[in-house]
Amino acid sequence: MTAITLVRGDITEQHVDAIVNAANSSLLGGGGVDGAIHRRGGPEILADCRRLRASHYGKGLPTGRAVATTAGRLHARFVIHTVGPVWQADEDRSALLASCYRESLRVAAESGAVSVAFPAISTGIFGWPMDDGARIAVRTVHEAAVAPVADVRFVLFDDAAYQAFERALAAAP
């Protein structure tokens, strides 16, 4: 069984097997969580991302997919990059958001990860409403939990995100 915990803090400070990056499709860094992971992890992460772009992902990583790279100087074995959907009021894109969590767990399991730290994917600049993003994240991790992943942490940057995830976790079956 996978234990889900909430952490208020900075995802780049987590000591886990895998840190999930809310990346953009270019895989070449950006703002928010993506920028923080690249800055803290160092140039090795960007070098791995460039290799991926030159080989398998010439047009970028598709939304909802996930891929692993080195973690560079982070306290992790690797970083799992996933591209969340941009929220749109007139289109239900929740399946793509759920896919980010499912695919990240799949990549983590295939890599032998026991512990994984997730940010609140798509809830920053991509505009996903925090309560809905938290509900989708918690539900998907509950449903998609796979061995050997036993420790999933949602690392939340502020109190509002933490409280939204707390509500989602309390409402989960």
N, C-alpha and C. Protein backbone atom coordinates (compact mmCIF):
# COMPACT_ATOMS: atom_id res chain seq x y z
N MET A 1 0.84 -1.19 0.00
CA MET A 1 0.00 0.00 0.00
C MET A 1 0.88 1.25 0.00
N THR A 2 0.47 2.24 -0.72
CA THR A 2 1.21 3.49 -0.82
C THR A 2 0.72 4.48 0.22
N ALA A 3 1.66 5.01 1.01
CA ALA A 3 1.33 6.05 1.98
C ALA A 3 1.41 7.41 1.29
N ILE A 4 0.39 8.23 1.49
CA ILE A 4 0.37 9.58 0.93
C ILE A 4 0.50 10.57 2.08
N THR A 5 1.49 11.46 1.97
CA THR A 5 1.68 12.49 2.97
C THR A 5 1.74 13.85 2.30
N LEU A 6 1.45 14.87 3.08
CA LEU A 6 1.52 16.25 2.61
C LEU A 6 2.67 16.94 3.31
N VAL A 7 3.42 17.73 2.55
CA VAL A 7 4.55 18.47 3.08
C VAL A 7 4.41 19.91 2.63
N ARG A 8 4.51 20.83 3.56
CA ARG A 8 4.52 22.26 3.22
C ARG A 8 5.97 22.65 3.05
N GLY A 9 6.38 23.04 1.82
CA GLY A 9 7.78 23.40 1.63
C GLY A 9 8.22 23.43 0.20
N ASP A 10 9.50 23.25 0.03
CA ASP A 10 10.19 23.36 -1.25
C ASP A 10 10.52 21.96 -1.75
N ILE A 11 9.99 21.60 -2.90
CA ILE A 11 10.18 20.25 -3.44
C ILE A 11 11.66 19.94 -3.70
N THR A 12 12.46 20.96 -3.98
CA THR A 12 13.88 20.72 -4.28
C THR A 12 14.68 20.30 -3.05
N GLU A 13 14.07 20.39 -1.87
CA GLU A 13 14.76 19.99 -0.63
C GLU A 13 14.38 18.59 -0.17
N GLN A 14 13.55 17.91 -0.92
CA GLN A 14 13.10 16.57 -0.53
C GLN A 14 14.18 15.52 -0.76
N HIS A 15 14.31 14.62 0.20
CA HIS A 15 15.21 13.47 0.10
C HIS A 15 14.35 12.27 -0.29
N VAL A 16 14.24 12.02 -1.58
CA VAL A 16 13.40 10.95 -2.11
C VAL A 16 14.13 10.30 -3.29
N ASP A 17 13.58 9.19 -3.76
CA ASP A 17 14.14 8.56 -4.95
C ASP A 17 13.87 9.40 -6.20
N ALA A 18 12.65 9.95 -6.29
CA ALA A 18 12.26 10.70 -7.48
C ALA A 18 11.51 11.97 -7.12
N ILE A 19 11.89 13.05 -7.76
CA ILE A 19 11.17 14.31 -7.66
C ILE A 19 10.47 14.52 -9.00
N VAL A 20 9.17 14.79 -8.94
CA VAL A 20 8.42 15.03 -10.17
C VAL A 20 8.47 16.52 -10.49
N ASN A 21 8.78 16.82 -11.73
CA ASN A 21 8.87 18.18 -12.22
C ASN A 21 7.65 18.51 -13.07
N ALA A 22 6.97 19.59 -12.72
CA ALA A 22 5.89 20.11 -13.55
C ALA A 22 6.54 20.90 -14.68
N ALA A 23 6.94 20.18 -15.71
CA ALA A 23 7.75 20.73 -16.79
C ALA A 23 6.90 21.37 -17.88
N ASN A 24 7.56 22.10 -18.75
CA ASN A 24 6.89 22.52 -19.98
C ASN A 24 7.32 21.54 -21.07
N SER A 25 6.64 21.54 -22.18
CA SER A 25 6.88 20.51 -23.20
C SER A 25 8.27 20.57 -23.81
N SER A 26 8.94 21.72 -23.74
CA SER A 26 10.28 21.82 -24.32
C SER A 26 11.32 21.03 -23.53
N LEU A 27 11.03 20.75 -22.26
CA LEU A 27 11.96 20.08 -21.34
C LEU A 27 13.22 20.91 -21.07
N LEU A 28 13.21 22.17 -21.44
CA LEU A 28 14.43 22.98 -21.33
C LEU A 28 14.39 23.99 -20.19
N GLY A 29 13.54 23.74 -19.21
CA GLY A 29 13.45 24.63 -18.07
C GLY A 29 12.41 25.70 -18.28
N GLY A 30 12.06 26.37 -17.21
CA GLY A 30 11.04 27.41 -17.28
C GLY A 30 10.93 28.09 -15.94
N GLY A 31 9.72 28.49 -15.58
CA GLY A 31 9.50 29.16 -14.31
C GLY A 31 8.94 28.21 -13.28
N GLY A 32 8.54 28.73 -12.15
CA GLY A 32 7.90 27.96 -11.10
C GLY A 32 8.72 26.77 -10.65
N VAL A 33 8.03 25.63 -10.45
CA VAL A 33 8.68 24.39 -10.00
C VAL A 33 9.76 23.98 -10.99
N ASP A 34 9.47 24.07 -12.27
CA ASP A 34 10.41 23.68 -13.32
C ASP A 34 11.72 24.46 -13.19
N GLY A 35 11.63 25.76 -13.08
CA GLY A 35 12.83 26.58 -12.94
C GLY A 35 13.59 26.27 -11.67
N ALA A 36 12.87 26.08 -10.57
CA ALA A 36 13.52 25.77 -9.29
C ALA A 36 14.28 24.45 -9.36
N ILE A 37 13.68 23.44 -9.96
CA ILE A 37 14.33 22.13 -10.07
C ILE A 37 15.58 22.23 -10.95
N HIS A 38 15.49 22.93 -12.06
CA HIS A 38 16.66 23.09 -12.93
C HIS A 38 17.76 23.88 -12.23
N ARG A 39 17.40 24.97 -11.54
CA ARG A 39 18.43 25.77 -10.85
C ARG A 39 19.12 24.98 -9.76
N ARG A 40 18.33 24.32 -8.92
CA ARG A 40 18.89 23.59 -7.78
C ARG A 40 19.60 22.32 -8.22
N GLY A 41 19.08 21.65 -9.23
CA GLY A 41 19.67 20.40 -9.69
C GLY A 41 20.93 20.58 -10.52
N GLY A 42 21.07 21.74 -11.14
CA GLY A 42 22.27 22.03 -11.91
C GLY A 42 22.18 21.63 -13.37
N PRO A 43 23.27 21.88 -14.09
CA PRO A 43 23.27 21.71 -15.54
C PRO A 43 23.14 20.26 -16.03
N GLU A 44 23.34 19.29 -15.16
CA GLU A 44 23.21 17.89 -15.58
C GLU A 44 21.78 17.57 -16.00
N ILE A 45 20.81 18.18 -15.33
CA ILE A 45 19.40 17.93 -15.68
C ILE A 45 19.12 18.48 -17.08
N LEU A 46 19.54 19.70 -17.32
CA LEU A 46 19.32 20.30 -18.64
C LEU A 46 20.03 19.51 -19.73
N ALA A 47 21.24 19.02 -19.45
CA ALA A 47 21.98 18.23 -20.43
C ALA A 47 21.22 16.95 -20.78
N ASP A 48 20.65 16.28 -19.76
CA ASP A 48 19.84 15.08 -20.02
C ASP A 48 18.59 15.43 -20.83
N CYS A 49 17.96 16.55 -20.48
CA CYS A 49 16.77 16.98 -21.23
C CYS A 49 17.11 17.26 -22.69
N ARG A 50 18.23 17.88 -22.92
CA ARG A 50 18.66 18.15 -24.30
C ARG A 50 18.90 16.85 -25.07
N ARG A 51 19.45 15.85 -24.40
CA ARG A 51 19.65 14.54 -25.05
C ARG A 51 18.29 13.92 -25.43
N LEU A 52 17.32 14.05 -24.54
CA LEU A 52 15.99 13.53 -24.83
C LEU A 52 15.37 14.26 -26.02
N ARG A 53 15.54 15.57 -26.07
CA ARG A 53 15.01 16.35 -27.20
C ARG A 53 15.69 15.95 -28.50
N ALA A 54 16.97 15.64 -28.45
CA ALA A 54 17.72 15.27 -29.65
C ALA A 54 17.39 13.85 -30.12
N SER A 55 16.84 13.01 -29.22
CA SER A 55 16.56 11.63 -29.61
C SER A 55 15.06 11.37 -29.71
N HIS A 56 14.38 11.15 -28.60
CA HIS A 56 12.99 10.70 -28.61
C HIS A 56 11.94 11.80 -28.68
N TYR A 57 12.28 12.98 -28.19
CA TYR A 57 11.26 14.02 -28.04
C TYR A 57 11.63 15.30 -28.78
N GLY A 58 11.90 15.16 -30.07
CA GLY A 58 12.29 16.29 -30.89
C GLY A 58 11.26 17.40 -30.92
N LYS A 59 9.99 17.03 -30.82
CA LYS A 59 8.92 18.04 -30.81
C LYS A 59 8.48 18.37 -29.39
N GLY A 60 9.19 17.86 -28.40
CA GLY A 60 8.84 18.11 -27.01
C GLY A 60 8.08 16.94 -26.40
N LEU A 61 7.93 16.97 -25.10
CA LEU A 61 7.21 15.93 -24.38
C LEU A 61 5.72 16.24 -24.43
N PRO A 62 4.91 15.31 -24.89
CA PRO A 62 3.46 15.55 -24.97
C PRO A 62 2.82 15.72 -23.59
N THR A 63 1.76 16.49 -23.54
CA THR A 63 1.00 16.69 -22.30
C THR A 63 0.51 15.34 -21.78
N GLY A 64 0.66 15.14 -20.47
CA GLY A 64 0.21 13.91 -19.84
C GLY A 64 1.22 12.79 -19.82
N ARG A 65 2.33 12.95 -20.50
CA ARG A 65 3.38 11.93 -20.53
C ARG A 65 4.44 12.25 -19.48
N ALA A 66 5.35 11.31 -19.23
CA ALA A 66 6.41 11.51 -18.25
C ALA A 66 7.68 10.81 -18.70
N VAL A 67 8.82 11.39 -18.32
CA VAL A 67 10.12 10.84 -18.66
C VAL A 67 11.10 11.19 -17.55
N ALA A 68 12.07 10.31 -17.30
CA ALA A 68 13.04 10.52 -16.22
C ALA A 68 14.39 10.99 -16.75
N THR A 69 15.04 11.81 -15.92
CA THR A 69 16.42 12.22 -16.16
C THR A 69 17.18 12.11 -14.84
N THR A 70 18.46 12.40 -14.91
CA THR A 70 19.25 12.50 -13.69
C THR A 70 18.65 13.58 -12.79
N ALA A 71 19.01 13.54 -11.52
CA ALA A 71 18.56 14.57 -10.58
C ALA A 71 19.66 15.58 -10.30
N GLY A 72 20.81 15.41 -10.93
CA GLY A 72 21.89 16.37 -10.72
C GLY A 72 22.23 16.49 -9.25
N ARG A 73 22.19 17.70 -8.73
CA ARG A 73 22.58 17.97 -7.34
C ARG A 73 21.42 17.89 -6.34
N LEU A 74 20.25 17.46 -6.80
CA LEU A 74 19.11 17.30 -5.89
C LEU A 74 19.33 16.07 -5.01
N HIS A 75 18.58 15.99 -3.91
CA HIS A 75 18.66 14.85 -3.00
C HIS A 75 17.72 13.75 -3.48
N ALA A 76 17.92 13.34 -4.71
CA ALA A 76 17.07 12.32 -5.34
C ALA A 76 17.93 11.56 -6.34
N ARG A 77 17.43 10.41 -6.75
CA ARG A 77 18.14 9.65 -7.79
C ARG A 77 17.82 10.17 -9.17
N PHE A 78 16.59 10.63 -9.36
CA PHE A 78 16.22 11.15 -10.66
C PHE A 78 15.06 12.12 -10.57
N VAL A 79 14.85 12.85 -11.66
CA VAL A 79 13.72 13.75 -11.80
C VAL A 79 12.81 13.16 -12.87
N ILE A 80 11.52 13.13 -12.57
CA ILE A 80 10.53 12.70 -13.55
C ILE A 80 9.84 13.95 -14.05
N HIS A 81 9.99 14.23 -15.33
CA HIS A 81 9.39 15.41 -15.95
C HIS A 81 8.03 15.02 -16.53
N THR A 82 7.01 15.80 -16.23
CA THR A 82 5.69 15.58 -16.81
C THR A 82 5.10 16.93 -17.20
N VAL A 83 4.36 16.94 -18.28
CA VAL A 83 3.77 18.18 -18.78
C VAL A 83 2.28 18.17 -18.48
N GLY A 84 1.89 19.06 -17.59
CA GLY A 84 0.49 19.18 -17.23
C GLY A 84 -0.28 19.99 -18.26
N PRO A 85 -1.59 19.81 -18.29
CA PRO A 85 -2.42 20.58 -19.20
C PRO A 85 -2.68 21.99 -18.67
N VAL A 86 -2.89 22.89 -19.59
CA VAL A 86 -3.35 24.24 -19.24
C VAL A 86 -4.85 24.13 -19.00
N TRP A 87 -5.33 24.69 -17.89
CA TRP A 87 -6.74 24.62 -17.56
C TRP A 87 -7.55 25.48 -18.52
N GLN A 88 -8.70 24.93 -18.95
CA GLN A 88 -9.62 25.66 -19.81
C GLN A 88 -11.03 25.45 -19.29
N ALA A 89 -11.73 26.54 -19.05
CA ALA A 89 -13.09 26.47 -18.49
C ALA A 89 -14.06 25.76 -19.44
N ASP A 90 -13.82 25.83 -20.73
CA ASP A 90 -14.76 25.27 -21.71
C ASP A 90 -14.37 23.89 -22.23
N GLU A 91 -13.36 23.26 -21.62
CA GLU A 91 -12.93 21.92 -22.07
C GLU A 91 -12.45 21.13 -20.86
N ASP A 92 -12.97 19.93 -20.70
CA ASP A 92 -12.55 19.07 -19.58
C ASP A 92 -11.24 18.38 -19.95
N ARG A 93 -10.18 18.81 -19.31
CA ARG A 93 -8.86 18.25 -19.57
C ARG A 93 -8.35 17.45 -18.37
N SER A 94 -9.28 17.06 -17.48
CA SER A 94 -8.90 16.37 -16.25
C SER A 94 -8.22 15.02 -16.52
N ALA A 95 -8.57 14.35 -17.61
CA ALA A 95 -7.92 13.07 -17.93
C ALA A 95 -6.43 13.27 -18.21
N LEU A 96 -6.10 14.41 -18.83
CA LEU A 96 -4.68 14.70 -19.08
C LEU A 96 -3.93 14.98 -17.77
N LEU A 97 -4.59 15.69 -16.85
CA LEU A 97 -3.94 15.95 -15.56
C LEU A 97 -3.75 14.63 -14.80
N ALA A 98 -4.76 13.79 -14.78
CA ALA A 98 -4.63 12.49 -14.11
C ALA A 98 -3.52 11.67 -14.75
N SER A 99 -3.38 11.75 -16.07
CA SER A 99 -2.33 11.02 -16.77
C SER A 99 -0.94 11.44 -16.30
N CYS A 100 -0.76 12.70 -15.96
CA CYS A 100 0.55 13.17 -15.45
C CYS A 100 0.94 12.39 -14.20
N TYR A 101 0.00 12.23 -13.29
CA TYR A 101 0.28 11.50 -12.04
C TYR A 101 0.47 10.01 -12.31
N ARG A 102 -0.40 9.41 -13.14
CA ARG A 102 -0.30 7.99 -13.46
C ARG A 102 1.02 7.67 -14.16
N GLU A 103 1.34 8.46 -15.20
CA GLU A 103 2.56 8.22 -15.96
C GLU A 103 3.81 8.43 -15.10
N SER A 104 3.78 9.43 -14.23
CA SER A 104 4.93 9.67 -13.34
C SER A 104 5.13 8.49 -12.40
N LEU A 105 4.03 7.96 -11.87
CA LEU A 105 4.15 6.78 -11.00
C LEU A 105 4.66 5.56 -11.78
N ARG A 106 4.21 5.42 -13.02
CA ARG A 106 4.68 4.31 -13.85
C ARG A 106 6.18 4.41 -14.07
N VAL A 107 6.66 5.60 -14.44
CA VAL A 107 8.10 5.80 -14.67
C VAL A 107 8.88 5.57 -13.37
N ALA A 108 8.33 6.05 -12.26
CA ALA A 108 8.99 5.85 -10.96
C ALA A 108 9.11 4.36 -10.64
N ALA A 109 8.03 3.62 -10.82
CA ALA A 109 8.04 2.19 -10.52
C ALA A 109 9.02 1.45 -11.43
N GLU A 110 9.02 1.79 -12.71
CA GLU A 110 9.95 1.14 -13.64
C GLU A 110 11.40 1.42 -13.28
N SER A 111 11.64 2.54 -12.61
CA SER A 111 13.00 2.91 -12.20
C SER A 111 13.35 2.39 -10.82
N GLY A 112 12.42 1.72 -10.17
CA GLY A 112 12.67 1.15 -8.85
C GLY A 112 12.51 2.13 -7.70
N ALA A 113 11.85 3.23 -7.92
CA ALA A 113 11.67 4.23 -6.87
C ALA A 113 10.70 3.73 -5.80
N VAL A 114 11.04 4.00 -4.56
CA VAL A 114 10.18 3.70 -3.43
C VAL A 114 9.48 4.98 -2.97
N SER A 115 10.20 6.12 -3.04
CA SER A 115 9.64 7.39 -2.58
C SER A 115 9.62 8.41 -3.72
N VAL A 116 8.47 9.12 -3.82
CA VAL A 116 8.27 10.08 -4.90
C VAL A 116 7.66 11.36 -4.32
N ALA A 117 8.20 12.51 -4.74
CA ALA A 117 7.66 13.80 -4.32
C ALA A 117 7.02 14.48 -5.53
N PHE A 118 5.74 14.85 -5.38
CA PHE A 118 4.99 15.53 -6.43
C PHE A 118 4.72 16.98 -6.05
N PRO A 119 4.75 17.88 -7.03
CA PRO A 119 4.19 19.21 -6.82
C PRO A 119 2.70 19.16 -7.18
N ALA A 120 2.02 20.27 -7.05
CA ALA A 120 0.62 20.38 -7.48
C ALA A 120 0.63 20.74 -8.96
N ILE A 121 0.68 19.73 -9.81
CA ILE A 121 0.84 19.90 -11.26
C ILE A 121 -0.29 20.74 -11.85
N SER A 122 0.07 21.67 -12.69
CA SER A 122 -0.82 22.53 -13.47
C SER A 122 -1.54 23.61 -12.67
N THR A 123 -1.32 23.69 -11.35
CA THR A 123 -2.07 24.64 -10.53
C THR A 123 -1.39 26.01 -10.42
N GLY A 124 -0.25 26.17 -11.02
CA GLY A 124 0.43 27.47 -11.01
C GLY A 124 0.08 28.25 -12.25
N ILE A 125 1.07 28.52 -13.06
CA ILE A 125 0.91 29.33 -14.27
C ILE A 125 -0.08 28.71 -15.26
N PHE A 126 -0.29 27.38 -15.19
CA PHE A 126 -1.23 26.72 -16.10
C PHE A 126 -2.68 26.89 -15.67
N GLY A 127 -2.91 27.52 -14.51
CA GLY A 127 -4.22 27.99 -14.12
C GLY A 127 -5.24 26.99 -13.59
N TRP A 128 -4.83 25.75 -13.31
CA TRP A 128 -5.80 24.77 -12.85
C TRP A 128 -6.28 25.16 -11.45
N PRO A 129 -7.59 25.18 -11.20
CA PRO A 129 -8.09 25.51 -9.86
C PRO A 129 -7.53 24.53 -8.81
N MET A 130 -7.00 25.07 -7.73
CA MET A 130 -6.28 24.26 -6.74
C MET A 130 -7.13 23.14 -6.16
N ASP A 131 -8.37 23.41 -5.77
CA ASP A 131 -9.19 22.36 -5.17
C ASP A 131 -9.42 21.19 -6.13
N ASP A 132 -9.69 21.50 -7.39
CA ASP A 132 -9.91 20.45 -8.38
C ASP A 132 -8.60 19.72 -8.68
N GLY A 133 -7.51 20.46 -8.79
CA GLY A 133 -6.21 19.83 -9.04
C GLY A 133 -5.83 18.88 -7.91
N ALA A 134 -6.11 19.29 -6.67
CA ALA A 134 -5.80 18.45 -5.51
C ALA A 134 -6.65 17.18 -5.53
N ARG A 135 -7.94 17.34 -5.84
CA ARG A 135 -8.85 16.18 -5.89
C ARG A 135 -8.38 15.17 -6.93
N ILE A 136 -8.02 15.65 -8.12
CA ILE A 136 -7.56 14.77 -9.20
C ILE A 136 -6.25 14.10 -8.80
N ALA A 137 -5.33 14.86 -8.21
CA ALA A 137 -4.03 14.31 -7.82
C ALA A 137 -4.18 13.19 -6.79
N VAL A 138 -4.91 13.46 -5.74
CA VAL A 138 -5.07 12.48 -4.66
C VAL A 138 -5.81 11.24 -5.16
N ARG A 139 -6.90 11.44 -5.89
CA ARG A 139 -7.66 10.30 -6.41
C ARG A 139 -6.80 9.44 -7.34
N THR A 140 -6.06 10.09 -8.23
CA THR A 140 -5.25 9.34 -9.19
C THR A 140 -4.14 8.56 -8.52
N VAL A 141 -3.48 9.16 -7.55
CA VAL A 141 -2.40 8.45 -6.85
C VAL A 141 -2.98 7.27 -6.07
N HIS A 142 -4.14 7.44 -5.44
CA HIS A 142 -4.80 6.31 -4.76
C HIS A 142 -5.07 5.18 -5.73
N GLU A 143 -5.59 5.51 -6.91
CA GLU A 143 -5.99 4.50 -7.88
C GLU A 143 -4.80 3.88 -8.62
N ALA A 144 -3.75 4.66 -8.82
CA ALA A 144 -2.64 4.21 -9.67
C ALA A 144 -1.43 3.72 -8.89
N ALA A 145 -1.52 3.68 -7.58
CA ALA A 145 -0.39 3.26 -6.76
C ALA A 145 0.14 1.91 -7.25
N VAL A 146 1.45 1.84 -7.38
CA VAL A 146 2.08 0.64 -7.93
C VAL A 146 3.40 0.37 -7.21
N ALA A 147 3.67 -0.91 -6.94
CA ALA A 147 4.92 -1.29 -6.29
C ALA A 147 6.08 -1.03 -7.26
N PRO A 148 7.23 -0.66 -6.77
CA PRO A 148 7.64 -0.57 -5.37
C PRO A 148 7.37 0.78 -4.70
N VAL A 149 6.65 1.69 -5.38
CA VAL A 149 6.40 3.01 -4.80
C VAL A 149 5.54 2.84 -3.55
N ALA A 150 6.09 3.22 -2.38
CA ALA A 150 5.40 3.07 -1.11
C ALA A 150 5.17 4.40 -0.41
N ASP A 151 5.89 5.44 -0.84
CA ASP A 151 5.84 6.75 -0.18
C ASP A 151 5.64 7.82 -1.23
N VAL A 152 4.44 8.41 -1.26
CA VAL A 152 4.17 9.53 -2.16
C VAL A 152 3.94 10.76 -1.30
N ARG A 153 4.70 11.81 -1.62
CA ARG A 153 4.56 13.08 -0.91
C ARG A 153 4.07 14.13 -1.90
N PHE A 154 3.08 14.88 -1.49
CA PHE A 154 2.69 16.07 -2.22
C PHE A 154 3.37 17.22 -1.49
N VAL A 155 4.31 17.86 -2.18
CA VAL A 155 5.07 18.95 -1.58
C VAL A 155 4.47 20.25 -2.09
N LEU A 156 3.89 21.00 -1.15
CA LEU A 156 3.06 22.14 -1.50
C LEU A 156 3.70 23.43 -1.00
N PHE A 157 3.78 24.39 -1.89
CA PHE A 157 4.56 25.58 -1.66
C PHE A 157 3.92 26.57 -0.69
N ASP A 158 2.59 26.60 -0.62
CA ASP A 158 1.96 27.58 0.27
C ASP A 158 0.80 26.96 1.04
N ASP A 159 0.27 27.72 2.00
CA ASP A 159 -0.79 27.22 2.86
C ASP A 159 -2.07 26.90 2.10
N ALA A 160 -2.41 27.72 1.11
CA ALA A 160 -3.64 27.48 0.34
C ALA A 160 -3.57 26.13 -0.37
N ALA A 161 -2.45 25.82 -0.97
CA ALA A 161 -2.28 24.52 -1.64
C ALA A 161 -2.32 23.39 -0.62
N TYR A 162 -1.64 23.56 0.48
CA TYR A 162 -1.62 22.53 1.52
C TYR A 162 -3.05 22.24 2.00
N GLN A 163 -3.81 23.30 2.25
CA GLN A 163 -5.18 23.12 2.74
C GLN A 163 -6.07 22.43 1.70
N ALA A 164 -5.89 22.77 0.43
CA ALA A 164 -6.67 22.12 -0.63
C ALA A 164 -6.36 20.62 -0.68
N PHE A 165 -5.09 20.27 -0.57
CA PHE A 165 -4.70 18.86 -0.59
C PHE A 165 -5.15 18.15 0.68
N GLU A 166 -5.15 18.86 1.80
CA GLU A 166 -5.64 18.28 3.05
C GLU A 166 -7.11 17.92 2.91
N ARG A 167 -7.90 18.81 2.31
CA ARG A 167 -9.33 18.54 2.08
C ARG A 167 -9.51 17.35 1.14
N ALA A 168 -8.72 17.31 0.08
CA ALA A 168 -8.83 16.21 -0.89
C ALA A 168 -8.46 14.87 -0.26
N LEU A 169 -7.44 14.88 0.55
CA LEU A 169 -7.00 13.65 1.22
C LEU A 169 -8.06 13.17 2.21
N ALA A 170 -8.68 14.10 2.94
CA ALA A 170 -9.73 13.75 3.91
C ALA A 170 -10.96 13.19 3.20
N ALA A 171 -11.22 13.64 2.00
CA ALA A 171 -12.41 13.19 1.25
C ALA A 171 -12.15 11.92 0.45
N ALA A 172 -10.89 11.51 0.34
CA ALA A 172 -10.55 10.32 -0.46
C ALA A 172 -11.05 9.05 0.23
N PRO A 173 -11.40 8.05 -0.57
CA PRO A 173 -11.89 6.80 0.01
C PRO A 173 -10.81 6.06 0.79
